[in-house]
Protein backbone atom coordinates (compact mmCIF):
# COMPACT_ATOMS: atom_id res chain seq x y z
CA MET A 1 -8.45 -20.03 1.96
CA PRO A 2 -5.49 -19.42 4.43
CA PHE A 3 -3.87 -16.11 3.92
CA SER A 4 -0.43 -17.90 3.36
CA THR A 5 -2.08 -19.77 0.19
CA LEU A 6 -3.38 -16.55 -1.35
CA LEU A 7 0.32 -15.20 -0.55
CA SER A 8 2.28 -17.70 -1.79
CA LEU A 9 -0.50 -17.48 -5.11
CA ALA A 10 0.29 -13.71 -5.17
CA ILE A 11 4.15 -14.21 -5.01
CA LEU A 12 4.11 -17.00 -7.07
CA ILE A 13 2.00 -15.23 -9.79
CA GLY A 14 4.19 -12.20 -9.65
CA GLY A 15 7.36 -13.81 -10.02
CA PHE A 16 6.46 -16.14 -13.10
CA SER A 17 4.92 -12.95 -14.86
CA TYR A 18 8.39 -10.62 -14.09
CA LEU A 19 10.06 -13.90 -15.15
CA SER A 20 8.19 -14.01 -18.28
CA TYR A 21 8.47 -10.59 -19.45
CA GLY A 22 11.26 -9.45 -17.38
CA ASP A 23 12.28 -5.11 -17.65
CA GLU A 24 8.85 -5.05 -19.94
CA THR A 25 6.06 -6.14 -17.03
CA GLU A 26 3.53 -3.95 -16.98
CA SER A 27 2.69 -2.03 -13.82
CA ILE A 28 -0.41 -3.80 -13.56
CA VAL A 29 0.73 -7.49 -14.65
CA LEU A 30 -2.63 -8.62 -15.59
CA GLN A 31 -1.90 -5.62 -18.96
CA ASN A 32 1.06 -8.71 -19.85
CA LEU A 33 -1.44 -11.17 -19.82
CA GLN A 34 -3.06 -9.44 -23.45
CA ASP A 35 0.04 -10.80 -25.10
CA VAL A 36 0.11 -14.46 -24.61
CA SER A 37 -2.56 -15.45 -27.80
CA ASP A 38 -3.37 -13.38 -30.67
CA SER A 39 -6.84 -15.35 -29.95
CA ALA A 40 -10.73 -13.10 -29.70
CA VAL A 41 -11.31 -15.71 -26.65
CA TRP A 42 -8.44 -14.81 -25.07
CA HIS A 43 -8.43 -11.57 -24.84
CA GLY A 44 -12.15 -11.45 -23.74
CA ILE A 45 -11.04 -13.51 -21.07
CA VAL A 46 -8.41 -10.87 -19.93
CA SER A 47 -10.96 -8.11 -21.08
CA VAL A 48 -13.21 -9.35 -18.33
CA GLU A 49 -10.09 -9.80 -15.75
CA LEU A 50 -9.60 -6.44 -15.99
CA ILE A 51 -13.17 -5.53 -16.08
CA LEU A 52 -13.19 -7.37 -12.61
CA TYR A 53 -9.95 -5.53 -11.55
CA VAL A 54 -11.58 -2.10 -11.99
CA PHE A 55 -14.55 -3.19 -9.75
CA VAL A 56 -12.25 -4.58 -7.72
CA ALA A 57 -10.58 -1.01 -7.06
CA VAL A 58 -13.66 1.05 -7.11
CA PHE A 59 -15.37 -0.93 -4.38
CA SER A 60 -12.33 -1.20 -2.21
CA TYR A 61 -12.45 2.31 -2.43
CA PRO A 62 -14.36 3.31 0.19
CA MET A 63 -13.19 0.96 2.98
CA LEU A 64 -9.29 1.70 2.18
CA MET A 65 -10.93 5.31 2.94
CA VAL A 66 -12.45 4.90 6.37
CA PRO A 67 -9.42 5.04 8.20
CA PRO A 68 -8.30 8.24 6.90
CA ILE A 69 -11.77 9.69 6.98
CA LYS A 70 -11.95 8.55 10.92
CA ILE A 71 -8.63 9.60 12.06
CA SER A 72 -8.43 13.05 10.32
CA GLU A 73 -11.63 13.27 11.60
CA ARG A 74 -10.90 12.91 15.19
CA ILE A 75 -8.06 15.97 14.61
CA LEU A 76 -9.85 18.49 12.70
CA PHE A 77 -13.62 17.99 14.28
CA LEU A 78 -13.26 18.69 17.78
CA ASP A 79 -16.16 20.02 20.60
CA ASP A 80 -15.41 23.22 22.77
CA LYS A 81 -13.38 20.97 25.23
CA GLY A 82 -10.60 19.98 22.72
CA LYS A 83 -12.65 16.03 22.74
CA PRO A 84 -13.41 14.64 19.35
CA LEU A 85 -17.01 15.29 18.42
CA GLU A 86 -19.83 12.51 18.02
CA ARG A 87 -22.10 10.88 15.92
CA LYS A 88 -25.02 13.46 16.13
CA SER A 89 -22.90 16.63 16.70
CA GLY A 90 -24.34 18.85 13.92
CA LYS A 91 -21.39 18.89 11.72
CA LYS A 92 -22.30 16.84 9.15
CA CYS A 93 -21.74 18.98 6.72
CA MET A 94 -18.53 20.16 7.56
CA LYS A 95 -17.22 16.42 7.98
CA ASN A 96 -18.92 15.64 4.24
CA ALA A 97 -17.42 18.49 2.60
CA TRP A 98 -13.91 17.46 4.30
CA ARG A 99 -14.92 14.25 2.84
CA VAL A 100 -14.61 15.29 -0.62
CA VAL A 101 -11.73 17.25 0.19
CA LEU A 102 -10.23 14.36 0.72
CA VAL A 103 -11.55 12.20 -2.32
CA LEU A 104 -10.46 15.03 -4.54
CA LEU A 105 -7.20 15.01 -3.12
CA CYS A 106 -6.13 11.59 -3.85
CA ALA A 107 -7.79 11.53 -7.62
CA GLY A 108 -6.25 14.70 -8.16
CA ILE A 109 -2.79 12.79 -6.81
CA ALA A 110 -3.66 9.94 -9.38
CA ALA A 111 -4.64 11.90 -12.21
CA SER A 112 -1.39 13.39 -11.93
CA THR A 113 0.47 10.37 -11.32
CA ILE A 114 -0.93 8.29 -14.06
CA SER A 115 2.03 8.12 -16.16
CA ALA A 116 4.50 7.04 -12.82
CA LEU A 117 1.89 4.78 -11.63
CA ASP A 118 4.96 1.66 -10.43
CA HIS A 119 6.76 4.90 -8.79
CA VAL A 120 3.92 5.86 -7.34
CA VAL A 121 3.60 2.65 -6.18
CA SER A 122 6.91 1.84 -4.74
CA ILE A 123 6.79 4.87 -2.55
CA ILE A 124 4.05 4.19 -0.88
CA GLY A 125 5.32 0.64 0.00
CA ALA A 126 8.54 2.02 1.38
CA VAL A 127 6.22 4.59 3.55
CA ALA A 128 3.46 2.39 3.94
CA CYS A 129 3.96 -1.15 3.74
CA VAL A 130 7.30 -1.77 5.17
CA PRO A 131 6.26 -0.22 8.23
CA LEU A 132 2.94 -1.89 8.29
CA ALA A 133 4.32 -5.15 7.86
CA PHE A 134 7.84 -5.18 9.72
CA THR A 135 7.90 -2.06 11.84
CA PHE A 136 4.79 -2.13 13.77
CA PRO A 137 4.49 -5.44 14.81
CA ALA A 138 8.05 -5.89 15.87
CA TYR A 139 7.52 -2.88 18.04
CA PHE A 140 4.21 -3.30 19.25
CA HIS A 141 5.85 -6.98 20.25
CA LEU A 142 8.35 -5.25 22.13
CA CYS A 143 6.05 -2.95 23.85
CA THR A 144 4.22 -6.33 25.41
CA VAL A 145 6.20 -9.06 24.85
CA GLY A 146 9.68 -7.57 25.21
CA GLN A 147 9.46 -5.65 28.47
CA GLN A 148 9.19 -9.22 30.49
CA GLU A 149 11.80 -10.18 32.76
CA GLY A 150 14.48 -12.72 31.08
CA ASN A 151 13.00 -11.69 27.05
CA GLY A 152 16.56 -10.88 26.05
CA TRP A 153 16.73 -12.97 22.83
CA LYS A 154 12.95 -11.80 21.98
CA LYS A 155 13.87 -7.85 22.59
CA ALA A 156 17.34 -8.58 20.46
CA VAL A 157 15.34 -9.86 17.73
CA ASP A 158 12.64 -6.52 18.42
CA TYR A 159 15.63 -4.54 17.52
CA ALA A 160 17.03 -6.34 14.35
CA VAL A 161 13.79 -6.44 13.12
CA LEU A 162 13.44 -2.72 14.03
CA VAL A 163 16.81 -1.85 12.29
CA PHE A 164 15.94 -4.57 8.94
CA ALA A 165 12.76 -2.73 8.35
CA VAL A 166 14.04 1.25 9.04
CA VAL A 167 16.86 0.62 6.97
CA GLY A 168 14.82 -1.51 4.17
CA SER A 169 12.28 1.12 4.16
CA ALA A 170 14.31 3.83 3.55
CA VAL A 171 16.55 2.11 0.67
CA ALA A 172 12.80 1.57 -0.49
CA PHE A 173 12.72 4.79 -0.55
CA ALA A 174 15.48 6.12 -2.07
CA SER A 175 15.92 4.17 -4.35
CA ALA A 176 11.81 4.72 -5.84
CA VAL A 177 12.92 8.71 -5.54
CA MET A 178 15.93 8.00 -7.25
CA ASP A 179 14.45 5.62 -10.43
CA TRP A 180 11.92 8.07 -10.69
CA ALA A 181 14.07 11.02 -11.25
CA GLY A 182 15.84 9.06 -13.65
CA HIS A 183 18.55 7.94 -11.68
CA PRO A 184 18.51 4.13 -10.95
CA ILE A 185 20.60 2.79 -7.89
CA GLN A 186 22.66 -0.04 -9.82
CA LEU A 187 23.41 -3.02 -7.07
CA PRO A 188 26.68 -4.18 -7.44
CA PHE A 189 25.41 -7.67 -8.14
């Protein structure tokens, strides 16, 4: 299935859910499905779907933790020459201890912010997802293609996307923090 189809499906489900439930939309959209019907069969289907969602979250966690673990290990565990340690460095216990610390740190953050999941997700989206979706691609394109002769138009588009991404990220971050503080930003329209 192409990525565009999956993206369109996710946007449609989220959009229809928000149109249906408005401000009562739960942080996890699947929780809104329980109110659709009082049928025991429907509640069973929704329960199975929520359980499968939990399995996806639990079993995808190791894949999500590999990049931060690898990056932090390359910074923290260096040999005598200042280079990252190789696989057979004799520091396996220290690396495993660091991995446990990272997992416990994530668990602590998750436990302490469970009541404000939507705010945490908004802040993570502003800090990580907007740059990943807009800033980095435009920057990498600018570094590769934009440096060639005769690419003034491409450079202008890259810079426009970069400005949009930085401003969008800052606005999204400020909006999420203000909303969490109890002072949501009111849009004029």
